């Protein structure tokens, strides 16, 4: 581990040194501009007291843009919502078939499964999901673990409840070869969901997903710890969890004008209650680079702690966004919805001004995502006692690294004013 960490640290230092050199070179250019040649060497320049100093242009005042979510403490805010793995098994697509039939529709409808998330998504400016597995064609054949090939209608439902973008890099990304990867990206495009983490072409893999909210440009950079031992057809098809590479992308995102840069990690030990060494070292390296506004993760199918590291939030694991109920692992049935509000200060910098989370559970008969936050926005989920137990288990884990003391709090959506109309994020060129 020591050699790996040392190598990673050296690579990170090299990236940061390159960034520093670029900044110094830019600064030299600015100095040259601010110290022009004397009037004796500039044709047409006035001499003596006739020479005039140009009047500096006034700095424009930012347009007040409070965004959705909590009260904005500054002139401009934007809120970003994130959820965990969308992990679809047979029980969920059977439920989607029943829900479609009940509504008199053909095929599958996953929208009722996800409908409880709508109210939270309306209270954010940007909502991001994680598409864990490849999708099949609309009529299948469908398959679950270990070689997932799930209904693409789950992507349509994600769009219907308000998500605008999904990350796609996971250990399952090429579980159905390049064809499965392409089907997934095609389905996301068809639904109108932006995406990053896996790619059709090398050129596409070199781009950065940047979304414009009403107030800010938000970049998303993602990586997965592995690919289940399967080798991709091309190395660039899936973003891997590598701190120097992710930092280089973040630097590029900043150069392209990103105000907020999110790092998404698909990593960790399944069903664990704590972040492992790889998660902690990678997340903290990303924060130490100074390029990331927040780090969050998924993959473990369990909720993990939230940490405020050097003033930057790290939500190590959001559990499952949706999943079939597990009879063996209660944590598999739980999830964490996280919303971060970012505020712009007088100098134009964006930092997190609020971090809120809502615990969730999957219930059956019918299968539904359900919030067990203490304000019970959907009423009782499973049963009062079990809902309370889920909330206690989640809060204990979430706060085990000092999140509450650092200001993270439960998201009580019913206590907030109705969400303001939002500017629908669009990708930037």
Protein backbone atom coordinates (compact mmCIF):
# COMPACT_ATOMS: atom_id res chain seq x y z
CA UNK A 1 0.00 0.00 0.00
CA UNK A 2 2.95 2.30 0.84
CA UNK A 3 4.43 2.07 -2.66
CA UNK A 4 1.01 2.63 -4.27
CA UNK A 5 0.29 5.65 -2.08
CA UNK A 6 3.75 7.07 -2.76
CA UNK A 7 3.33 6.67 -6.50
CA UNK A 8 -0.13 8.26 -6.41
CA UNK A 9 1.19 11.14 -4.30
CA UNK A 10 4.03 11.71 -6.76
CA UNK A 11 1.60 11.76 -9.67
CA UNK A 12 -0.65 14.21 -7.86
CA UNK A 13 2.33 16.48 -7.12
CA UNK A 14 3.27 16.36 -10.81
CA UNK A 15 -0.25 17.38 -11.83
CA UNK A 16 -0.32 20.22 -9.34
CA UNK A 17 3.17 21.37 -10.40
CA UNK A 18 2.00 21.53 -14.01
CA UNK A 19 -1.04 23.53 -12.94
CA UNK A 20 1.16 25.87 -10.89
CA UNK A 21 3.47 26.47 -13.87
CA UNK A 22 0.48 27.27 -16.07
CA UNK A 23 -0.76 29.78 -13.51
CA UNK A 24 2.71 31.39 -13.24
CA UNK A 25 2.98 31.70 -17.01
CA UNK A 26 -0.44 33.30 -17.14
CA UNK A 27 0.60 35.67 -14.37
CA UNK A 28 3.70 36.69 -16.31
CA UNK A 29 1.48 37.55 -19.24
CA UNK A 30 -0.69 39.67 -16.99
CA UNK A 31 2.37 41.51 -15.62
CA UNK A 32 3.51 42.26 -19.17
CA UNK A 33 0.10 43.65 -20.00
CA UNK A 34 -0.03 45.77 -16.88
CA UNK A 35 3.47 47.25 -17.50
CA UNK A 36 3.48 48.37 -21.16
CA UNK A 37 6.53 49.92 -22.81
CA UNK A 38 7.23 53.59 -22.08
CA UNK A 39 5.68 56.27 -24.28
CA UNK A 40 9.01 56.83 -26.06
CA UNK A 41 8.75 53.37 -27.59
CA UNK A 42 5.06 53.37 -28.37
CA UNK A 43 4.15 55.03 -31.69
CA UNK A 44 1.58 57.79 -31.25
CA UNK A 45 1.84 57.92 -27.44
CA UNK A 46 1.42 61.28 -25.75
CA UNK A 47 4.29 62.69 -23.74
CA UNK A 48 4.59 64.43 -20.37
CA UNK A 49 1.44 65.50 -18.57
CA UNK A 50 -0.72 64.91 -21.66
CA UNK A 51 -0.55 61.12 -21.19
CA UNK A 52 -3.75 59.86 -19.55
CA UNK A 53 -4.35 56.79 -17.37
CA UNK A 54 -7.25 54.69 -18.65
CA UNK A 55 -10.22 54.55 -16.31
CA UNK A 56 -10.79 50.92 -15.16
CA UNK A 57 -14.12 49.40 -16.14
CA UNK A 58 -16.47 48.81 -13.20
CA UNK A 59 -16.79 45.21 -12.03
CA UNK A 60 -20.35 44.05 -12.76
CA UNK A 61 -22.48 43.12 -9.75
CA UNK A 62 -23.76 39.52 -9.93
CA UNK A 63 -27.46 39.19 -10.67
CA UNK A 64 -29.26 37.93 -7.54
CA UNK A 65 -29.99 34.23 -8.14
CA UNK A 66 -31.01 32.46 -4.92
CA UNK A 67 -31.76 29.10 -6.54
CA UNK A 68 -33.93 26.34 -5.10
CA UNK A 69 -33.57 24.86 -1.65
CA UNK A 70 -32.71 26.61 1.61
CA UNK A 71 -32.50 30.37 2.04
CA UNK A 72 -29.50 31.70 0.13
CA UNK A 73 -27.03 33.51 2.44
CA UNK A 74 -25.47 35.45 -0.45
CA UNK A 75 -26.63 36.98 -3.72
CA UNK A 76 -26.25 33.75 -5.68
CA UNK A 77 -26.73 30.07 -4.75
CA UNK A 78 -27.27 26.76 -6.45
CA UNK A 79 -28.25 23.41 -4.93
CA UNK A 80 -27.16 20.00 -6.21
CA UNK A 81 -28.90 16.74 -5.23
CA UNK A 82 -27.26 13.31 -5.46
CA UNK A 83 -28.52 9.76 -4.89
CA UNK A 84 -26.92 6.31 -4.93
CA UNK A 85 -27.03 3.28 -7.19
CA UNK A 86 -30.03 2.60 -9.38
CA UNK A 87 -29.78 -1.19 -9.07
CA UNK A 88 -32.58 -3.01 -10.85
CA UNK A 89 -33.45 -6.67 -10.22
CA UNK A 90 -36.34 -8.83 -11.46
CA UNK A 91 -38.69 -7.83 -8.63
CA UNK A 92 -38.48 -4.20 -9.71
CA UNK A 93 -39.21 -4.77 -13.37
CA UNK A 94 -42.10 -7.04 -12.43
CA UNK A 95 -43.43 -4.17 -10.31
CA UNK A 96 -42.92 -1.78 -13.23
CA UNK A 97 -45.02 -4.08 -15.38
CA UNK A 98 -47.79 -4.12 -12.77
CA UNK A 99 -47.69 -0.33 -12.46
CA UNK A 100 -47.90 0.14 -16.21
CA UNK A 101 -50.84 -2.25 -16.45
CA UNK A 102 -52.64 -0.50 -13.57
CA UNK A 103 -52.32 2.80 -15.46
CA UNK A 104 -53.50 1.26 -18.72
CA UNK A 105 -50.07 1.60 -20.32
CA UNK A 106 -48.11 -0.98 -22.28
CA UNK A 107 -44.68 -2.17 -21.20
CA UNK A 108 -42.96 -1.07 -18.00
CA UNK A 109 -43.31 2.05 -15.86
CA UNK A 110 -40.73 2.67 -13.11
CA UNK A 111 -42.02 6.17 -12.38
CA UNK A 112 -44.18 5.15 -9.37
CA UNK A 113 -41.12 3.44 -7.86
CA UNK A 114 -39.16 6.72 -7.94
CA UNK A 115 -42.03 9.16 -7.43
CA UNK A 116 -41.17 9.87 -3.77
CA UNK A 117 -37.94 11.55 -4.88
CA UNK A 118 -39.80 14.22 -6.89
CA UNK A 119 -40.40 16.56 -3.97
CA UNK A 120 -36.71 16.56 -3.06
CA UNK A 121 -35.61 17.05 -6.66
CA UNK A 122 -37.93 20.07 -7.00
CA UNK A 123 -36.04 21.57 -4.06
CA UNK A 124 -32.74 21.49 -5.97
CA UNK A 125 -31.33 23.17 -9.06
CA UNK A 126 -29.57 20.06 -10.36
CA UNK A 127 -30.24 16.37 -9.60
CA UNK A 128 -27.74 13.61 -10.41
CA UNK A 129 -28.39 9.85 -10.37
CA UNK A 130 -26.05 6.89 -10.88
CA UNK A 131 -26.94 4.35 -13.56
CA UNK A 132 -25.23 1.30 -12.08
CA UNK A 133 -25.77 -1.28 -14.82
CA UNK A 134 -26.05 -1.69 -18.59
CA UNK A 135 -29.52 -1.67 -20.10
CA UNK A 136 -31.11 -4.02 -22.61
CA UNK A 137 -33.49 -3.11 -25.40
CA UNK A 138 -37.02 -2.08 -24.35
CA UNK A 139 -38.30 -5.65 -24.76
CA UNK A 140 -35.31 -7.44 -23.24
CA UNK A 141 -34.13 -10.06 -22.69
CA UNK A 142 -33.55 -8.75 -19.16
CA UNK A 143 -31.10 -10.15 -16.66
CA UNK A 144 -30.01 -9.31 -13.12
CA UNK A 145 -26.91 -10.27 -11.13
CA UNK A 146 -24.21 -11.12 -12.06
CA UNK A 147 -24.51 -10.03 -15.70
CA UNK A 148 -27.00 -7.17 -15.56
CA UNK A 149 -29.06 -6.26 -18.61
CA UNK A 150 -31.90 -4.18 -17.19
CA UNK A 151 -34.92 -2.43 -18.69
CA UNK A 152 -34.09 0.99 -20.19
CA UNK A 153 -37.44 2.26 -18.93
CA UNK A 154 -35.79 2.93 -15.55
CA UNK A 155 -33.82 5.69 -17.28
CA UNK A 156 -37.02 7.18 -18.70
CA UNK A 157 -38.48 7.20 -15.18
CA UNK A 158 -35.39 8.95 -13.77
CA UNK A 159 -35.93 11.74 -16.27
CA UNK A 160 -39.65 11.84 -15.50
CA UNK A 161 -39.11 12.49 -11.78
CA UNK A 162 -36.65 15.30 -12.51
CA UNK A 163 -33.07 14.05 -12.80
CA UNK A 164 -30.98 15.95 -15.33
CA UNK A 165 -27.78 13.87 -15.39
CA UNK A 166 -26.43 10.45 -14.42
CA UNK A 167 -22.97 9.06 -13.82
CA UNK A 168 -22.30 5.72 -15.50
CA UNK A 169 -18.88 4.34 -14.47
CA UNK A 170 -19.21 1.18 -12.37
CA UNK A 171 -17.79 -2.33 -12.15
CA UNK A 172 -20.71 -3.39 -14.38
CA UNK A 173 -20.18 -0.81 -17.14
CA UNK A 174 -18.86 -3.33 -19.67
CA UNK A 175 -20.54 -6.40 -18.20
CA UNK A 176 -22.47 -6.63 -21.48
CA UNK A 177 -19.45 -5.64 -23.58
CA UNK A 178 -19.25 -2.52 -25.70
CA UNK A 179 -22.76 -3.16 -27.03
CA UNK A 180 -24.24 -2.84 -23.53
CA UNK A 181 -22.28 0.32 -22.86
CA UNK A 182 -23.52 1.88 -26.10
CA UNK A 183 -27.13 0.84 -25.45
CA UNK A 184 -26.97 2.54 -22.06
CA UNK A 185 -25.61 5.80 -23.43
CA UNK A 186 -28.15 5.73 -26.26
CA UNK A 187 -30.98 5.24 -23.73
CA UNK A 188 -29.74 8.16 -21.64
CA UNK A 189 -29.58 10.37 -24.71
CA UNK A 190 -33.04 9.29 -25.83
CA UNK A 191 -34.44 10.20 -22.40
CA UNK A 192 -32.71 13.58 -22.41
CA UNK A 193 -30.36 12.77 -19.52
CA UNK A 194 -26.79 14.03 -19.67
CA UNK A 195 -24.09 11.57 -18.61
CA UNK A 196 -20.42 11.05 -17.83
CA UNK A 197 -18.23 8.14 -16.74
CA UNK A 198 -18.39 5.94 -19.86
CA UNK A 199 -18.00 6.88 -23.50
CA UNK A 200 -18.58 5.95 -27.14
CA UNK A 201 -15.38 7.52 -28.51
CA UNK A 202 -11.97 8.60 -27.30
CA UNK A 203 -12.80 12.21 -28.17
CA UNK A 204 -15.96 12.00 -26.07
CA UNK A 205 -13.93 10.62 -23.16
CA UNK A 206 -11.70 13.70 -23.19
CA UNK A 207 -14.63 16.07 -22.68
CA UNK A 208 -15.98 17.34 -19.37
CA UNK A 209 -19.66 17.33 -18.49
CA UNK A 210 -20.50 20.87 -17.37
CA UNK A 211 -24.11 21.82 -16.63
CA UNK A 212 -25.44 25.35 -16.33
CA UNK A 213 -27.87 26.02 -13.49
CA UNK A 214 -29.46 29.43 -12.99
CA UNK A 215 -26.40 30.71 -11.14
CA UNK A 216 -23.44 28.42 -11.72
CA UNK A 217 -21.60 26.04 -14.03
CA UNK A 218 -21.33 22.61 -12.41
CA UNK A 219 -18.83 19.99 -13.60
CA UNK A 220 -19.10 16.28 -12.77
CA UNK A 221 -16.02 14.02 -12.80
CA UNK A 222 -16.40 10.32 -11.99
CA UNK A 223 -14.39 7.12 -11.65
CA UNK A 224 -14.87 3.47 -10.68
CA UNK A 225 -12.55 1.29 -8.61
CA UNK A 226 -12.66 -1.55 -11.16
CA UNK A 227 -14.53 -3.48 -13.85
CA UNK A 228 -15.05 -6.89 -12.22
CA UNK A 229 -11.86 -8.17 -13.86
CA UNK A 230 -13.22 -7.57 -17.36
CA UNK A 231 -11.06 -5.61 -19.79
CA UNK A 232 -12.73 -2.97 -21.93
CA UNK A 233 -12.32 -3.03 -25.68
CA UNK A 234 -10.63 0.38 -25.36
CA UNK A 235 -8.98 1.81 -22.26
CA UNK A 236 -10.84 5.12 -22.55
CA UNK A 237 -14.34 3.58 -22.49
CA UNK A 238 -14.79 3.84 -18.70
CA UNK A 239 -13.32 6.38 -16.27
CA UNK A 240 -11.30 4.69 -13.54
CA UNK A 241 -10.85 5.88 -9.97
CA UNK A 242 -7.44 7.54 -10.22
CA UNK A 243 -6.75 10.74 -8.28
CA UNK A 244 -4.17 12.32 -10.65
CA UNK A 245 -6.38 11.69 -13.69
CA UNK A 246 -9.45 13.08 -11.95
CA UNK A 247 -7.50 16.12 -10.76
CA UNK A 248 -6.29 16.79 -14.30
CA UNK A 249 -9.91 16.68 -15.49
CA UNK A 250 -10.90 19.06 -12.70
CA UNK A 251 -8.19 21.49 -13.76
CA UNK A 252 -9.56 21.31 -17.30
CA UNK A 253 -13.10 21.86 -15.99
CA UNK A 254 -11.98 25.00 -14.15
CA UNK A 255 -10.24 26.25 -17.29
CA UNK A 256 -13.52 25.75 -19.14
CA UNK A 257 -15.29 27.97 -16.63
CA UNK A 258 -16.72 25.51 -14.10
CA UNK A 259 -17.67 27.25 -10.84
CA UNK A 260 -18.37 24.02 -8.93
CA UNK A 261 -16.59 20.70 -9.53
CA UNK A 262 -18.04 17.48 -8.11
CA UNK A 263 -16.00 14.29 -7.78
CA UNK A 264 -17.97 11.01 -7.79
CA UNK A 265 -16.29 7.82 -6.58
CA UNK A 266 -17.70 4.35 -7.29
CA UNK A 267 -15.77 2.42 -4.66
CA UNK A 268 -15.75 0.82 -1.21
CA UNK A 269 -16.50 -2.45 0.55
CA UNK A 270 -19.99 -3.80 -0.06
CA UNK A 271 -22.42 -3.59 2.89
CA UNK A 272 -19.81 -1.81 5.03
CA UNK A 273 -20.55 0.98 7.49
CA UNK A 274 -17.24 2.82 7.05
CA UNK A 275 -15.14 4.09 4.16
CA UNK A 276 -12.14 1.94 3.28
CA UNK A 277 -8.56 3.13 2.76
CA UNK A 278 -8.92 3.61 -0.99
CA UNK A 279 -12.00 5.79 -0.55
CA UNK A 280 -10.44 7.96 2.13
CA UNK A 281 -7.09 8.39 0.41
CA UNK A 282 -8.62 9.17 -2.98
CA UNK A 283 -11.27 11.56 -1.65
CA UNK A 284 -8.78 13.48 0.46
CA UNK A 285 -6.28 13.67 -2.40
CA UNK A 286 -8.99 15.20 -4.58
CA UNK A 287 -9.79 17.74 -1.87
CA UNK A 288 -6.11 18.49 -1.28
CA UNK A 289 -5.73 19.42 -4.95
CA UNK A 290 -7.92 22.46 -4.35
CA UNK A 291 -9.88 21.74 -7.54
CA UNK A 292 -12.99 20.01 -6.14
CA UNK A 293 -16.01 21.56 -4.42
CA UNK A 294 -17.40 18.29 -3.04
CA UNK A 295 -16.80 14.54 -3.22
CA UNK A 296 -19.47 11.85 -3.01
CA UNK A 297 -19.68 8.12 -3.62
CA UNK A 298 -21.71 5.01 -4.28
CA UNK A 299 -21.18 1.24 -4.88
CA UNK A 300 -21.24 -0.27 -1.38
CA UNK A 301 -25.05 -0.72 -1.29
CA UNK A 302 -24.92 0.76 2.19
CA UNK A 303 -24.90 4.25 3.65
CA UNK A 304 -21.45 5.51 4.65
CA UNK A 305 -20.28 8.50 6.75
CA UNK A 306 -20.18 12.14 5.73
CA UNK A 307 -17.00 14.04 6.56
CA UNK A 308 -15.99 17.67 6.38
CA UNK A 309 -12.33 17.49 5.39
CA UNK A 310 -10.48 20.82 5.34
CA UNK A 311 -13.73 22.64 4.72
CA UNK A 312 -14.90 20.38 1.86
CA UNK A 313 -17.70 17.84 2.20
CA UNK A 314 -17.12 14.17 1.45
CA UNK A 315 -20.20 11.92 1.41
CA UNK A 316 -18.50 8.53 1.16
CA UNK A 317 -21.50 6.42 0.22
CA UNK A 318 -25.13 7.11 -0.64
CA UNK A 319 -26.31 3.50 -0.53
CA UNK A 320 -28.93 2.43 -3.04
CA UNK A 321 -31.15 4.84 -4.91
CA UNK A 322 -33.41 1.94 -5.83
CA UNK A 323 -33.00 -1.80 -5.29
CA UNK A 324 -34.89 -5.01 -4.71
CA UNK A 325 -35.23 -5.88 -1.02
CA UNK A 326 -32.51 -8.10 0.40
CA UNK A 327 -33.52 -10.63 3.08
CA UNK A 328 -29.93 -10.80 4.32
CA UNK A 329 -28.66 -7.20 4.44
CA UNK A 330 -30.90 -4.53 5.91
CA UNK A 331 -28.39 -1.86 4.85
CA UNK A 332 -28.90 -2.89 1.21
CA UNK A 333 -32.49 -1.68 1.44
CA UNK A 334 -31.51 1.79 2.64
CA UNK A 335 -30.18 4.87 0.94
CA UNK A 336 -29.11 8.45 1.42
CA UNK A 337 -30.27 11.43 -0.60
CA UNK A 338 -27.82 14.34 -0.22
CA UNK A 339 -28.34 17.97 -1.22
CA UNK A 340 -25.50 20.47 -1.16
CA UNK A 341 -26.10 24.19 -1.50
CA UNK A 342 -23.21 26.24 -2.90
CA UNK A 343 -22.98 30.02 -2.45
CA UNK A 344 -20.95 32.62 -4.31
CA UNK A 345 -19.09 35.13 -2.16
CA UNK A 346 -18.23 38.76 -3.00
CA UNK A 347 -14.98 37.66 -4.63
CA UNK A 348 -16.84 35.31 -6.97
CA UNK A 349 -15.79 32.07 -5.26
CA UNK A 350 -18.25 29.21 -4.71
CA UNK A 351 -18.27 27.20 -1.48
CA UNK A 352 -20.76 24.89 0.23
CA UNK A 353 -23.10 26.83 2.51
CA UNK A 354 -25.45 23.97 3.44
CA UNK A 355 -25.24 20.17 3.46
CA UNK A 356 -28.43 18.22 4.12
CA UNK A 357 -29.33 14.54 3.88
CA UNK A 358 -32.50 12.45 3.92
CA UNK A 359 -32.57 8.73 4.82
CA UNK A 360 -34.61 6.39 2.66
CA UNK A 361 -35.77 2.79 2.50
CA UNK A 362 -37.25 0.55 -0.18
CA UNK A 363 -40.64 -0.94 0.67
CA UNK A 364 -42.47 -3.78 -1.06
CA UNK A 365 -46.06 -4.60 -2.11
CA UNK A 366 -45.82 -2.36 -4.03
CA UNK A 367 -42.12 -1.62 -4.42
CA UNK A 368 -41.47 2.06 -3.71
CA UNK A 369 -38.64 4.40 -2.72
CA UNK A 370 -39.70 6.03 0.55
CA UNK A 371 -38.17 8.76 2.71
CA UNK A 372 -37.88 7.96 6.41
CA UNK A 373 -36.78 11.50 7.31
CA UNK A 374 -38.27 12.62 10.62
CA UNK A 375 -40.84 14.86 8.90
CA UNK A 376 -42.22 11.74 7.10
CA UNK A 377 -43.03 13.47 3.78
CA UNK A 378 -44.59 10.27 2.37
CA UNK A 379 -46.20 9.14 5.62
CA UNK A 380 -45.26 5.78 7.14
CA UNK A 381 -42.98 3.74 4.86
CA UNK A 382 -42.70 0.20 6.25
CA UNK A 383 -43.92 0.59 9.85
CA UNK A 384 -43.33 3.27 12.49
CA UNK A 385 -40.84 1.17 14.47
CA UNK A 386 -38.86 -0.03 11.46
CA UNK A 387 -38.82 3.46 9.92
CA UNK A 388 -37.40 4.83 13.18
CA UNK A 389 -34.81 2.06 13.26
CA UNK A 390 -33.71 2.85 9.71
CA UNK A 391 -33.46 6.55 10.48
CA UNK A 392 -31.39 5.86 13.63
CA UNK A 393 -29.09 3.42 11.85
CA UNK A 394 -28.55 5.88 9.01
CA UNK A 395 -27.93 8.91 11.20
CA UNK A 396 -25.49 6.98 13.40
CA UNK A 397 -23.37 6.04 10.40
CA UNK A 398 -23.67 9.40 8.63
CA UNK A 399 -22.53 11.31 11.71
CA UNK A 400 -19.75 8.90 12.76
CA UNK A 401 -17.02 11.14 11.28
CA UNK A 402 -18.23 14.41 12.76
CA UNK A 403 -20.72 15.48 10.09
CA UNK A 404 -23.26 16.93 12.53
CA UNK A 405 -20.65 18.96 14.40
CA UNK A 406 -19.45 20.35 11.05
CA UNK A 407 -22.98 21.48 10.14
CA UNK A 408 -24.54 18.64 8.13
CA UNK A 409 -28.18 18.12 9.04
CA UNK A 410 -31.27 16.13 8.18
CA UNK A 411 -33.19 17.42 5.17
CA UNK A 412 -36.77 18.18 6.22
CA UNK A 413 -38.35 18.93 2.87
CA UNK A 414 -41.81 19.67 4.30
CA UNK A 415 -40.37 22.53 6.35
CA UNK A 416 -39.01 24.37 3.33
CA UNK A 417 -40.97 26.87 1.22
CA UNK A 418 -42.20 25.67 -2.14
CA UNK A 419 -39.34 25.35 -4.59
CA UNK A 420 -38.78 28.30 -6.90
CA UNK A 421 -38.96 27.76 -10.68
CA UNK A 422 -35.61 26.47 -11.88
CA UNK A 423 -33.56 27.02 -15.00
CA UNK A 424 -33.22 23.58 -16.52
CA UNK A 425 -29.50 22.74 -16.69
CA UNK A 426 -28.06 22.33 -20.15
CA UNK A 427 -24.61 21.05 -21.17
CA UNK A 428 -22.09 23.69 -22.12
CA UNK A 429 -20.12 23.49 -25.37
